[in-house]
Amino acid sequence: MEELRFDERGLITAVVQDGITRQVLMVAWMNADALRLTMETGEAHFWSRSREELWHKGETSGNTQVVREMRVDCDGDTLLLLVEPAGHACHTGNTSCFYRTLRASKL
């Protein structure tokens, strides 16, 4: 964990990707406790910035994420979790939180 750079709030960005399809499922944040729990249990845990509490992905929905591999970016400030999802990642019921297309006239 020494190579990781948590921000001033003690958080690090976590990009969650399906380990088989490589589809990006969601982006969340982890603090040191969420990272430790993830490493200990093998299932994704995150820090909720809005509720200011730890949460175990799928604890209430059953849509857990088994972490198969964790990678860190070159700056040490972002994690990539390659997971085996059990159900959808998004609270809307979509497989991924990235189901909407942003339209702009000059893209």
PDB file of N, CA and C in Angstrom:
ATOM      1  N   MET A   1       0.825  -1.202   0.000  1.00  0.00           N
ATOM      2  CA  MET A   1       0.000   0.000   0.000  1.00  0.00           C
ATOM      3  C   MET A   1       0.864   1.258   0.000  1.00  0.00           C
ATOM      4  N   GLU A   2       2.148   1.112   0.208  1.00  0.00           N
ATOM      5  CA  GLU A   2       3.026   2.285   0.236  1.00  0.00           C
ATOM      6  C   GLU A   2       3.082   2.994  -1.109  1.00  0.00           C
ATOM      7  N   GLU A   3       2.862   2.246  -2.197  1.00  0.00           N
ATOM      8  CA  GLU A   3       2.918   2.840  -3.530  1.00  0.00           C
ATOM      9  C   GLU A   3       1.640   3.583  -3.901  1.00  0.00           C
ATOM     10  N   LEU A   4       0.601   3.464  -3.079  1.00  0.00           N
ATOM     11  CA  LEU A   4      -0.676   4.102  -3.377  1.00  0.00           C
ATOM     12  C   LEU A   4      -0.711   5.535  -2.866  1.00  0.00           C
ATOM     13  N   ARG A   5      -1.372   6.392  -3.637  1.00  0.00           N
ATOM     14  CA  ARG A   5      -1.513   7.796  -3.270  1.00  0.00           C
ATOM     15  C   ARG A   5      -2.986   8.108  -3.046  1.00  0.00           C
ATOM     16  N   PHE A   6      -3.384   8.123  -1.795  1.00  0.00           N
ATOM     17  CA  PHE A   6      -4.741   8.498  -1.426  1.00  0.00           C
ATOM     18  C   PHE A   6      -4.839  10.027  -1.447  1.00  0.00           C
ATOM     19  N   ASP A   7      -6.019  10.555  -1.765  1.00  0.00           N
ATOM     20  CA  ASP A   7      -6.184  12.007  -1.813  1.00  0.00           C
ATOM     21  C   ASP A   7      -6.290  12.594  -0.406  1.00  0.00           C
ATOM     22  N   GLU A   8      -6.552  13.890  -0.340  1.00  0.00           N
ATOM     23  CA  GLU A   8      -6.596  14.590   0.950  1.00  0.00           C
ATOM     24  C   GLU A   8      -7.722  14.090   1.854  1.00  0.00           C
ATOM     25  N   ARG A   9      -8.714  13.411   1.272  1.00  0.00           N
ATOM     26  CA  ARG A   9      -9.804  12.832   2.067  1.00  0.00           C
ATOM     27  C   ARG A   9      -9.521  11.379   2.455  1.00  0.00           C
ATOM     28  N   GLY A  10      -8.354  10.889   2.034  1.00  0.00           N
ATOM     29  CA  GLY A  10      -7.995   9.505   2.323  1.00  0.00           C
ATOM     30  C   GLY A  10      -8.621   8.517   1.361  1.00  0.00           C
ATOM     31  N   LEU A  11      -8.957   8.979   0.141  1.00  0.00           N
ATOM     32  CA  LEU A  11      -9.632   8.135  -0.843  1.00  0.00           C
ATOM     33  C   LEU A  11      -8.785   7.925  -2.084  1.00  0.00           C
ATOM     34  N   ILE A  12      -9.053   6.814  -2.754  1.00  0.00           N
ATOM     35  CA  ILE A  12      -8.424   6.524  -4.034  1.00  0.00           C
ATOM     36  C   ILE A  12      -9.527   6.077  -4.992  1.00  0.00           C
ATOM     37  N   THR A  13      -9.454   6.506  -6.237  1.00  0.00           N
ATOM     38  CA  THR A  13     -10.441   6.138  -7.244  1.00  0.00           C
ATOM     39  C   THR A  13     -10.277   4.670  -7.602  1.00  0.00           C
ATOM     40  N   ALA A  14     -11.412   3.975  -7.751  1.00  0.00           N
ATOM     41  CA  ALA A  14     -11.407   2.565  -8.137  1.00  0.00           C
ATOM     42  C   ALA A  14     -12.306   2.376  -9.356  1.00  0.00           C
ATOM     43  N   VAL A  15     -11.696   2.005 -10.465  1.00  0.00           N
ATOM     44  CA  VAL A  15     -12.423   1.691 -11.689  1.00  0.00           C
ATOM     45  C   VAL A  15     -12.686   0.183 -11.649  1.00  0.00           C
ATOM     46  N   VAL A  16     -13.946  -0.192 -11.843  1.00  0.00           N
ATOM     47  CA  VAL A  16     -14.320  -1.604 -11.763  1.00  0.00           C
ATOM     48  C   VAL A  16     -14.664  -2.093 -13.168  1.00  0.00           C
ATOM     49  N   GLN A  17     -13.990  -3.163 -13.574  1.00  0.00           N
ATOM     50  CA  GLN A  17     -14.130  -3.692 -14.921  1.00  0.00           C
ATOM     51  C   GLN A  17     -14.422  -5.194 -14.850  1.00  0.00           C
ATOM     52  N   ASP A  18     -15.316  -5.667 -15.716  1.00  0.00           N
ATOM     53  CA  ASP A  18     -15.583  -7.099 -15.799  1.00  0.00           C
ATOM     54  C   ASP A  18     -14.299  -7.785 -16.264  1.00  0.00           C
ATOM     55  N   GLY A  19     -13.842  -8.764 -15.511  1.00  0.00           N
ATOM     56  CA  GLY A  19     -12.586  -9.437 -15.822  1.00  0.00           C
ATOM     57  C   GLY A  19     -12.617 -10.265 -17.084  1.00  0.00           C
ATOM     58  N   ILE A  20     -13.806 -10.656 -17.551  1.00  0.00           N
ATOM     59  CA  ILE A  20     -13.930 -11.454 -18.775  1.00  0.00           C
ATOM     60  C   ILE A  20     -14.215 -10.570 -19.986  1.00  0.00           C
ATOM     61  N   THR A  21     -15.289  -9.777 -19.915  1.00  0.00           N
ATOM     62  CA  THR A  21     -15.711  -8.975 -21.068  1.00  0.00           C
ATOM     63  C   THR A  21     -14.914  -7.685 -21.209  1.00  0.00           C
ATOM     64  N   ARG A  22     -14.290  -7.253 -20.113  1.00  0.00           N
ATOM     65  CA  ARG A  22     -13.538  -5.988 -20.041  1.00  0.00           C
ATOM     66  C   ARG A  22     -14.443  -4.756 -20.092  1.00  0.00           C
ATOM     67  N   GLN A  23     -15.749  -4.931 -19.956  1.00  0.00           N
ATOM     68  CA  GLN A  23     -16.666  -3.794 -19.894  1.00  0.00           C
ATOM     69  C   GLN A  23     -16.429  -3.047 -18.580  1.00  0.00           C
ATOM     70  N   VAL A  24     -16.342  -1.712 -18.664  1.00  0.00           N
ATOM     71  CA  VAL A  24     -16.236  -0.907 -17.457  1.00  0.00           C
ATOM     72  C   VAL A  24     -17.607  -0.900 -16.793  1.00  0.00           C
ATOM     73  N   LEU A  25     -17.652  -1.324 -15.534  1.00  0.00           N
ATOM     74  CA  LEU A  25     -18.914  -1.461 -14.830  1.00  0.00           C
ATOM     75  C   LEU A  25     -19.266  -0.236 -14.002  1.00  0.00           C
ATOM     76  N   MET A  26     -18.274   0.321 -13.319  1.00  0.00           N
ATOM     77  CA  MET A  26     -18.550   1.438 -12.423  1.00  0.00           C
ATOM     78  C   MET A  26     -17.241   2.085 -11.984  1.00  0.00           C
ATOM     79  N   VAL A  27     -17.377   3.243 -11.386  1.00  0.00           N
ATOM     80  CA  VAL A  27     -16.267   3.929 -10.732  1.00  0.00           C
ATOM     81  C   VAL A  27     -16.723   4.225  -9.311  1.00  0.00           C
ATOM     82  N   ALA A  28     -15.864   3.929  -8.356  1.00  0.00           N
ATOM     83  CA  ALA A  28     -16.191   4.170  -6.951  1.00  0.00           C
ATOM     84  C   ALA A  28     -14.919   4.638  -6.248  1.00  0.00           C
ATOM     85  N   TRP A  29     -14.996   4.784  -4.943  1.00  0.00           N
ATOM     86  CA  TRP A  29     -13.850   5.241  -4.172  1.00  0.00           C
ATOM     87  C   TRP A  29     -13.595   4.264  -3.034  1.00  0.00           C
ATOM     88  N   MET A  30     -12.334   4.137  -2.694  1.00  0.00           N
ATOM     89  CA  MET A  30     -11.933   3.275  -1.589  1.00  0.00           C
ATOM     90  C   MET A  30     -11.081   4.081  -0.626  1.00  0.00           C
ATOM     91  N   ASN A  31     -11.254   3.801   0.656  1.00  0.00           N
ATOM     92  CA  ASN A  31     -10.292   4.289   1.635  1.00  0.00           C
ATOM     93  C   ASN A  31      -9.449   3.081   2.054  1.00  0.00           C
ATOM     94  N   ALA A  32      -8.542   3.260   2.985  1.00  0.00           N
ATOM     95  CA  ALA A  32      -7.654   2.166   3.385  1.00  0.00           C
ATOM     96  C   ALA A  32      -8.447   0.983   3.940  1.00  0.00           C
ATOM     97  N   ASP A  33      -9.522   1.247   4.684  1.00  0.00           N
ATOM     98  CA  ASP A  33     -10.331   0.161   5.245  1.00  0.00           C
ATOM     99  C   ASP A  33     -11.050  -0.620   4.143  1.00  0.00           C
ATOM    100  N   ALA A  34     -11.592   0.069   3.156  1.00  0.00           N
ATOM    101  CA  ALA A  34     -12.276  -0.602   2.050  1.00  0.00           C
ATOM    102  C   ALA A  34     -11.289  -1.462   1.263  1.00  0.00           C
ATOM    103  N   LEU A  35     -10.106  -0.946   1.060  1.00  0.00           N
ATOM    104  CA  LEU A  35      -9.080  -1.708   0.346  1.00  0.00           C
ATOM    105  C   LEU A  35      -8.675  -2.941   1.147  1.00  0.00           C
ATOM    106  N   ARG A  36      -8.490  -2.773   2.436  1.00  0.00           N
ATOM    107  CA  ARG A  36      -8.115  -3.898   3.303  1.00  0.00           C
ATOM    108  C   ARG A  36      -9.195  -4.968   3.293  1.00  0.00           C
ATOM    109  N   LEU A  37     -10.464  -4.565   3.434  1.00  0.00           N
ATOM    110  CA  LEU A  37     -11.575  -5.517   3.419  1.00  0.00           C
ATOM    111  C   LEU A  37     -11.673  -6.240   2.079  1.00  0.00           C
ATOM    112  N   THR A  38     -11.461  -5.519   1.001  1.00  0.00           N
ATOM    113  CA  THR A  38     -11.485  -6.115  -0.331  1.00  0.00           C
ATOM    114  C   THR A  38     -10.399  -7.178  -0.448  1.00  0.00           C
ATOM    115  N   MET A  39      -9.215  -6.859   0.032  1.00  0.00           N
ATOM    116  CA  MET A  39      -8.101  -7.802  -0.046  1.00  0.00           C
ATOM    117  C   MET A  39      -8.321  -9.007   0.871  1.00  0.00           C
ATOM    118  N   GLU A  40      -8.921  -8.784   2.017  1.00  0.00           N
ATOM    119  CA  GLU A  40      -9.157  -9.877   2.968  1.00  0.00           C
ATOM    120  C   GLU A  40     -10.272 -10.808   2.526  1.00  0.00           C
ATOM    121  N   THR A  41     -11.359 -10.248   1.975  1.00  0.00           N
ATOM    122  CA  THR A  41     -12.544 -11.048   1.651  1.00  0.00           C
ATOM    123  C   THR A  41     -12.592 -11.518   0.206  1.00  0.00           C
ATOM    124  N   GLY A  42     -11.899 -10.810  -0.676  1.00  0.00           N
ATOM    125  CA  GLY A  42     -11.962 -11.131  -2.095  1.00  0.00           C
ATOM    126  C   GLY A  42     -13.186 -10.567  -2.791  1.00  0.00           C
ATOM    127  N   GLU A  43     -13.990  -9.799  -2.060  1.00  0.00           N
ATOM    128  CA  GLU A  43     -15.144  -9.126  -2.655  1.00  0.00           C
ATOM    129  C   GLU A  43     -14.982  -7.613  -2.506  1.00  0.00           C
ATOM    130  N   ALA A  44     -15.537  -6.880  -3.466  1.00  0.00           N
ATOM    131  CA  ALA A  44     -15.355  -5.429  -3.512  1.00  0.00           C
ATOM    132  C   ALA A  44     -16.059  -4.724  -2.357  1.00  0.00           C
ATOM    133  N   HIS A  45     -15.320  -3.852  -1.711  1.00  0.00           N
ATOM    134  CA  HIS A  45     -15.831  -2.950  -0.674  1.00  0.00           C
ATOM    135  C   HIS A  45     -15.407  -1.543  -1.076  1.00  0.00           C
ATOM    136  N   PHE A  46     -16.252  -0.576  -0.795  1.00  0.00           N
ATOM    137  CA  PHE A  46     -15.965   0.798  -1.192  1.00  0.00           C
ATOM    138  C   PHE A  46     -16.296   1.751  -0.052  1.00  0.00           C
ATOM    139  N   TRP A  47     -15.961   3.033  -0.269  1.00  0.00           N
ATOM    140  CA  TRP A  47     -16.320   4.100   0.660  1.00  0.00           C
ATOM    141  C   TRP A  47     -17.371   4.958  -0.021  1.00  0.00           C
ATOM    142  N   SER A  48     -18.502   5.134   0.624  1.00  0.00           N
ATOM    143  CA  SER A  48     -19.553   6.002   0.107  1.00  0.00           C
ATOM    144  C   SER A  48     -19.257   7.433   0.530  1.00  0.00           C
ATOM    145  N   ARG A  49     -19.027   8.291  -0.434  1.00  0.00           N
ATOM    146  CA  ARG A  49     -18.759   9.699  -0.123  1.00  0.00           C
ATOM    147  C   ARG A  49     -20.016  10.402   0.358  1.00  0.00           C
ATOM    148  N   SER A  50     -21.186  10.013  -0.142  1.00  0.00           N
ATOM    149  CA  SER A  50     -22.424  10.678   0.264  1.00  0.00           C
ATOM    150  C   SER A  50     -22.877  10.234   1.655  1.00  0.00           C
ATOM    151  N   ARG A  51     -22.736   8.941   1.952  1.00  0.00           N
ATOM    152  CA  ARG A  51     -23.167   8.436   3.260  1.00  0.00           C
ATOM    153  C   ARG A  51     -22.031   8.426   4.283  1.00  0.00           C
ATOM    154  N   GLU A  52     -20.819   8.632   3.796  1.00  0.00           N
ATOM    155  CA  GLU A  52     -19.619   8.608   4.639  1.00  0.00           C
ATOM    156  C   GLU A  52     -19.531   7.327   5.458  1.00  0.00           C
ATOM    157  N   GLU A  53     -19.607   6.192   4.712  1.00  0.00           N
ATOM    158  CA  GLU A  53     -19.497   4.889   5.360  1.00  0.00           C
ATOM    159  C   GLU A  53     -18.994   3.840   4.377  1.00  0.00           C
ATOM    160  N   LEU A  54     -18.441   2.779   4.927  1.00  0.00           N
ATOM    161  CA  LEU A  54     -18.016   1.648   4.111  1.00  0.00           C
ATOM    162  C   LEU A  54     -19.239   0.933   3.568  1.00  0.00           C
ATOM    163  N   TRP A  55     -19.114   0.374   2.366  1.00  0.00           N
ATOM    164  CA  TRP A  55     -20.177  -0.472   1.842  1.00  0.00           C
ATOM    165  C   TRP A  55     -19.599  -1.639   1.072  1.00  0.00           C
ATOM    166  N   HIS A  56     -20.224  -2.762   1.266  1.00  0.00           N
ATOM    167  CA  HIS A  56     -19.863  -4.005   0.591  1.00  0.00           C
ATOM    168  C   HIS A  56     -20.752  -4.106  -0.640  1.00  0.00           C
ATOM    169  N   LYS A  57     -20.166  -4.080  -1.819  1.00  0.00           N
ATOM    170  CA  LYS A  57     -20.946  -4.130  -3.062  1.00  0.00           C
ATOM    171  C   LYS A  57     -21.788  -5.395  -3.082  1.00  0.00           C
ATOM    172  N   GLY A  58     -23.098  -5.228  -3.185  1.00  0.00           N
ATOM    173  CA  GLY A  58     -24.018  -6.347  -3.251  1.00  0.00           C
ATOM    174  C   GLY A  58     -24.558  -6.804  -1.917  1.00  0.00           C
ATOM    175  N   GLU A  59     -24.195  -6.125  -0.851  1.00  0.00           N
ATOM    176  CA  GLU A  59     -24.637  -6.526   0.486  1.00  0.00           C
ATOM    177  C   GLU A  59     -26.163  -6.609   0.576  1.00  0.00           C
ATOM    178  N   THR A  60     -26.856  -5.650  -0.002  1.00  0.00           N
ATOM    179  CA  THR A  60     -28.319  -5.682   0.056  1.00  0.00           C
ATOM    180  C   THR A  60     -28.940  -6.219  -1.234  1.00  0.00           C
ATOM    181  N   SER A  61     -28.293  -6.015  -2.369  1.00  0.00           N
ATOM    182  CA  SER A  61     -28.864  -6.432  -3.660  1.00  0.00           C
ATOM    183  C   SER A  61     -28.491  -7.858  -4.047  1.00  0.00           C
ATOM    184  N   GLY A  62     -27.405  -8.349  -3.495  1.00  0.00           N
ATOM    185  CA  GLY A  62     -26.891  -9.655  -3.911  1.00  0.00           C
ATOM    186  C   GLY A  62     -25.978  -9.575  -5.118  1.00  0.00           C
ATOM    187  N   ASN A  63     -25.817  -8.379  -5.683  1.00  0.00           N
ATOM    188  CA  ASN A  63     -24.982  -8.177  -6.869  1.00  0.00           C
ATOM    189  C   ASN A  63     -23.534  -7.917  -6.468  1.00  0.00           C
ATOM    190  N   THR A  64     -22.918  -8.938  -5.920  1.00  0.00           N
ATOM    191  CA  THR A  64     -21.548  -8.810  -5.436  1.00  0.00           C
ATOM    192  C   THR A  64     -20.558  -8.792  -6.591  1.00  0.00           C
ATOM    193  N   GLN A  65     -19.330  -8.445  -6.254  1.00  0.00           N
ATOM    194  CA  GLN A  65     -18.242  -8.437  -7.232  1.00  0.00           C
ATOM    195  C   GLN A  65     -17.049  -9.161  -6.613  1.00  0.00           C
ATOM    196  N   VAL A  66     -16.739 -10.341  -7.136  1.00  0.00           N
ATOM    197  CA  VAL A  66     -15.569 -11.083  -6.685  1.00  0.00           C
ATOM    198  C   VAL A  66     -14.361 -10.501  -7.410  1.00  0.00           C
ATOM    199  N   VAL A  67     -13.383 -10.049  -6.657  1.00  0.00           N
ATOM    200  CA  VAL A  67     -12.214  -9.406  -7.242  1.00  0.00           C
ATOM    201  C   VAL A  67     -11.208 -10.478  -7.645  1.00  0.00           C
ATOM    202  N   ARG A  68     -10.903 -10.525  -8.923  1.00  0.00           N
ATOM    203  CA  ARG A  68      -9.946 -11.495  -9.454  1.00  0.00           C
ATOM    204  C   ARG A  68      -8.536 -10.926  -9.548  1.00  0.00           C
ATOM    205  N   GLU A  69      -8.460  -9.604  -9.721  1.00  0.00           N
ATOM    206  CA  GLU A  69      -7.146  -8.955  -9.828  1.00  0.00           C
ATOM    207  C   GLU A  69      -7.313  -7.477  -9.532  1.00  0.00           C
ATOM    208  N   MET A  70      -6.299  -6.886  -8.911  1.00  0.00           N
ATOM    209  CA  MET A  70      -6.275  -5.440  -8.698  1.00  0.00           C
ATOM    210  C   MET A  70      -4.981  -4.909  -9.294  1.00  0.00           C
ATOM    211  N   ARG A  71      -5.106  -3.815 -10.015  1.00  0.00           N
ATOM    212  CA  ARG A  71      -3.949  -3.150 -10.615  1.00  0.00           C
ATOM    213  C   ARG A  71      -3.924  -1.704 -10.156  1.00  0.00           C
ATOM    214  N   VAL A  72      -2.755  -1.117 -10.188  1.00  0.00           N
ATOM    215  CA  VAL A  72      -2.598   0.292  -9.822  1.00  0.00           C
ATOM    216  C   VAL A  72      -1.996   1.025 -11.009  1.00  0.00           C
ATOM    217  N   ASP A  73      -2.432   2.255 -11.242  1.00  0.00           N
ATOM    218  CA  ASP A  73      -1.914   3.005 -12.380  1.00  0.00           C
ATOM    219  C   ASP A  73      -0.516   3.536 -12.091  1.00  0.00           C
ATOM    220  N   CYS A  74       0.087   4.123 -13.105  1.00  0.00           N
ATOM    221  CA  CYS A  74       1.476   4.577 -13.028  1.00  0.00           C
ATOM    222  C   CYS A  74       1.697   5.660 -11.973  1.00  0.00           C
ATOM    223  N   ASP A  75       0.673   6.449 -11.674  1.00  0.00           N
ATOM    224  CA  ASP A  75       0.792   7.508 -10.661  1.00  0.00           C
ATOM    225  C   ASP A  75       0.483   7.010  -9.260  1.00  0.00           C
ATOM    226  N   GLY A  76      -0.088   5.813  -9.157  1.00  0.00           N
ATOM    227  CA  GLY A  76      -0.431   5.258  -7.851  1.00  0.00           C
ATOM    228  C   GLY A  76      -1.675   5.853  -7.234  1.00  0.00           C
ATOM    229  N   ASP A  77      -2.483   6.575  -8.056  1.00  0.00           N
ATOM    230  CA  ASP A  77      -3.662   7.230  -7.489  1.00  0.00           C
ATOM    231  C   ASP A  77      -4.993   6.697  -8.013  1.00  0.00           C
ATOM    232  N   THR A  78      -4.949   5.604  -8.772  1.00  0.00           N
ATOM    233  CA  THR A  78      -6.164   4.972  -9.275  1.00  0.00           C
ATOM    234  C   THR A  78      -5.968   3.463  -9.296  1.00  0.00           C
ATOM    235  N   LEU A  79      -7.012   2.754  -8.843  1.00  0.00           N
ATOM    236  CA  LEU A  79      -6.998   1.297  -8.876  1.00  0.00           C
ATOM    237  C   LEU A  79      -7.912   0.801  -9.982  1.00  0.00           C
ATOM    238  N   LEU A  80      -7.564  -0.332 -10.543  1.00  0.00           N
ATOM    239  CA  LEU A  80      -8.416  -1.031 -11.501  1.00  0.00           C
ATOM    240  C   LEU A  80      -8.730  -2.389 -10.884  1.00  0.00           C
ATOM    241  N   LEU A  81     -10.015  -2.636 -10.654  1.00  0.00           N
ATOM    242  CA  LEU A  81     -10.448  -3.920 -10.106  1.00  0.00           C
ATOM    243  C   LEU A  81     -11.052  -4.731 -11.236  1.00  0.00           C
ATOM    244  N   LEU A  82     -10.464  -5.878 -11.516  1.00  0.00           N
ATOM    245  CA  LEU A  82     -11.016  -6.806 -12.482  1.00  0.00           C
ATOM    246  C   LEU A  82     -11.855  -7.794 -11.690  1.00  0.00           C
ATOM    247  N   VAL A  83     -13.149  -7.817 -11.975  1.00  0.00           N
ATOM    248  CA  VAL A  83     -14.077  -8.558 -11.120  1.00  0.00           C
ATOM    249  C   VAL A  83     -14.890  -9.584 -11.896  1.00  0.00           C
ATOM    250  N   GLU A  84     -15.461 -10.492 -11.125  1.00  0.00           N
ATOM    251  CA  GLU A  84     -16.474 -11.411 -11.624  1.00  0.00           C
ATOM    252  C   GLU A  84     -17.779 -10.957 -10.982  1.00  0.00           C
ATOM    253  N   PRO A  85     -18.620 -10.259 -11.760  1.00  0.00           N
ATOM    254  CA  PRO A  85     -19.849  -9.717 -11.178  1.00  0.00           C
ATOM    255  C   PRO A  85     -20.934 -10.777 -11.031  1.00  0.00           C
ATOM    256  N   ALA A  86     -21.679 -10.690  -9.959  1.00  0.00           N
ATOM    257  CA  ALA A  86     -22.867 -11.519  -9.761  1.00  0.00           C
ATOM    258  C   ALA A  86     -24.070 -10.588  -9.896  1.00  0.00           C
ATOM    259  N   GLY A  87     -24.501 -10.358 -11.120  1.00  0.00           N
ATOM    260  CA  GLY A  87     -25.595  -9.426 -11.356  1.00  0.00           C
ATOM    261  C   GLY A  87     -25.084  -8.101 -11.877  1.00  0.00           C
ATOM    262  N   HIS A  88     -26.001  -7.146 -11.956  1.00  0.00           N
ATOM    263  CA  HIS A  88     -25.658  -5.844 -12.515  1.00  0.00           C
ATOM    264  C   HIS A  88     -24.858  -4.998 -11.515  1.00  0.00           C
ATOM    265  N   ALA A  89     -24.091  -4.069 -12.051  1.00  0.00           N
ATOM    266  CA  ALA A  89     -23.277  -3.189 -11.219  1.00  0.00           C
ATOM    267  C   ALA A  89     -24.032  -1.926 -10.811  1.00  0.00           C
ATOM    268  N   CYS A  90     -24.914  -1.463 -11.676  1.00  0.00           N
ATOM    269  CA  CYS A  90     -25.566  -0.166 -11.459  1.00  0.00           C
ATOM    270  C   CYS A  90     -26.847  -0.305 -10.643  1.00  0.00           C
ATOM    271  N   HIS A  91     -27.072   0.662  -9.773  1.00  0.00           N
ATOM    272  CA  HIS A  91     -28.294   0.653  -8.956  1.00  0.00           C
ATOM    273  C   HIS A  91     -29.564   0.822  -9.789  1.00  0.00           C
ATOM    274  N   THR A  92     -29.408   1.227 -11.064  1.00  0.00           N
ATOM    275  CA  THR A  92     -30.562   1.382 -11.950  1.00  0.00           C
ATOM    276  C   THR A  92     -31.013   0.054 -12.542  1.00  0.00           C
ATOM    277  N   GLY A  93     -30.210  -0.988 -12.344  1.00  0.00           N
ATOM    278  CA  GLY A  93     -30.509  -2.285 -12.934  1.00  0.00           C
ATOM    279  C   GLY A  93     -29.753  -2.552 -14.215  1.00  0.00           C
ATOM    280  N   ASN A  94     -28.958  -1.591 -14.657  1.00  0.00           N
ATOM    281  CA  ASN A  94     -28.139  -1.776 -15.848  1.00  0.00           C
ATOM    282  C   ASN A  94     -26.859  -2.519 -15.492  1.00  0.00           C
ATOM    283  N   THR A  95     -26.342  -3.262 -16.456  1.00  0.00           N
ATOM    284  CA  THR A  95     -25.115  -4.022 -16.249  1.00  0.00           C
ATOM    285  C   THR A  95     -23.983  -3.110 -15.822  1.00  0.00           C
ATOM    286  N   SER A  96     -23.877  -1.964 -16.464  1.00  0.00           N
ATOM    287  CA  SER A  96     -22.823  -0.983 -16.207  1.00  0.00           C
ATOM    288  C   SER A  96     -23.451   0.358 -15.844  1.00  0.00           C
ATOM    289  N   CYS A  97     -22.743   1.132 -15.055  1.00  0.00           N
ATOM    290  CA  CYS A  97     -23.192   2.494 -14.765  1.00  0.00           C
ATOM    291  C   CYS A  97     -23.013   3.401 -15.982  1.00  0.00           C
ATOM    292  N   PHE A  98     -22.269   2.937 -16.980  1.00  0.00           N
ATOM    293  CA  PHE A  98     -21.995   3.729 -18.179  1.00  0.00           C
ATOM    294  C   PHE A  98     -22.900   3.282 -19.320  1.00  0.00           C
ATOM    295  N   TYR A  99     -24.198   3.460 -19.154  1.00  0.00           N
ATOM    296  CA  TYR A  99     -25.169   3.022 -20.150  1.00  0.00           C
ATOM    297  C   TYR A  99     -25.740   4.192 -20.954  1.00  0.00           C
ATOM    298  N   ARG A 100     -25.377   5.411 -20.610  1.00  0.00           N
ATOM    299  CA  ARG A 100     -25.903   6.585 -21.319  1.00  0.00           C
ATOM    300  C   ARG A 100     -24.822   7.182 -22.216  1.00  0.00           C
ATOM    301  N   THR A 101     -25.242   7.686 -23.366  1.00  0.00           N
ATOM    302  CA  THR A 101     -24.316   8.318 -24.300  1.00  0.00           C
ATOM    303  C   THR A 101     -24.464   9.829 -24.194  1.00  0.00           C
ATOM    304  N   LEU A 102     -23.372  10.502 -24.031  1.00  0.00           N
ATOM    305  CA  LEU A 102     -23.358  11.965 -23.983  1.00  0.00           C
ATOM    306  C   LEU A 102     -23.276  12.472 -25.413  1.00  0.00           C
ATOM    307  N   ARG A 103     -24.218  13.284 -25.781  1.00  0.00           N
ATOM    308  CA  ARG A 103     -24.265  13.797 -27.150  1.00  0.00           C
ATOM    309  C   ARG A 103     -23.858  15.270 -27.156  1.00  0.00           C
ATOM    310  N   ALA A 104     -22.966  15.556 -28.041  1.00  0.00           N
ATOM    311  CA  ALA A 104     -22.531  16.936 -28.219  1.00  0.00           C
ATOM    312  C   ALA A 104     -22.390  17.187 -29.717  1.00  0.00           C
ATOM    313  N   SER A 105     -22.690  18.368 -30.141  1.00  0.00           N
ATOM    314  CA  SER A 105     -22.688  18.644 -31.571  1.00  0.00           C
ATOM    315  C   SER A 105     -21.294  18.589 -32.184  1.00  0.00           C
ATOM    316  N   LYS A 106     -20.237  18.777 -31.383  1.00  0.00           N
ATOM    317  CA  LYS A 106     -18.907  18.844 -31.963  1.00  0.00           C
ATOM    318  C   LYS A 106     -17.994  17.702 -31.508  1.00  0.00           C
ATOM    319  N   LEU A 107     -18.555  16.599 -31.073  1.00  0.00           N
ATOM    320  CA  LEU A 107     -17.705  15.457 -30.679  1.00  0.00           C
ATOM    321  C   LEU A 107     -17.212  14.701 -31.870  1.00  0.00           C
TER     322      LEU A 107
END
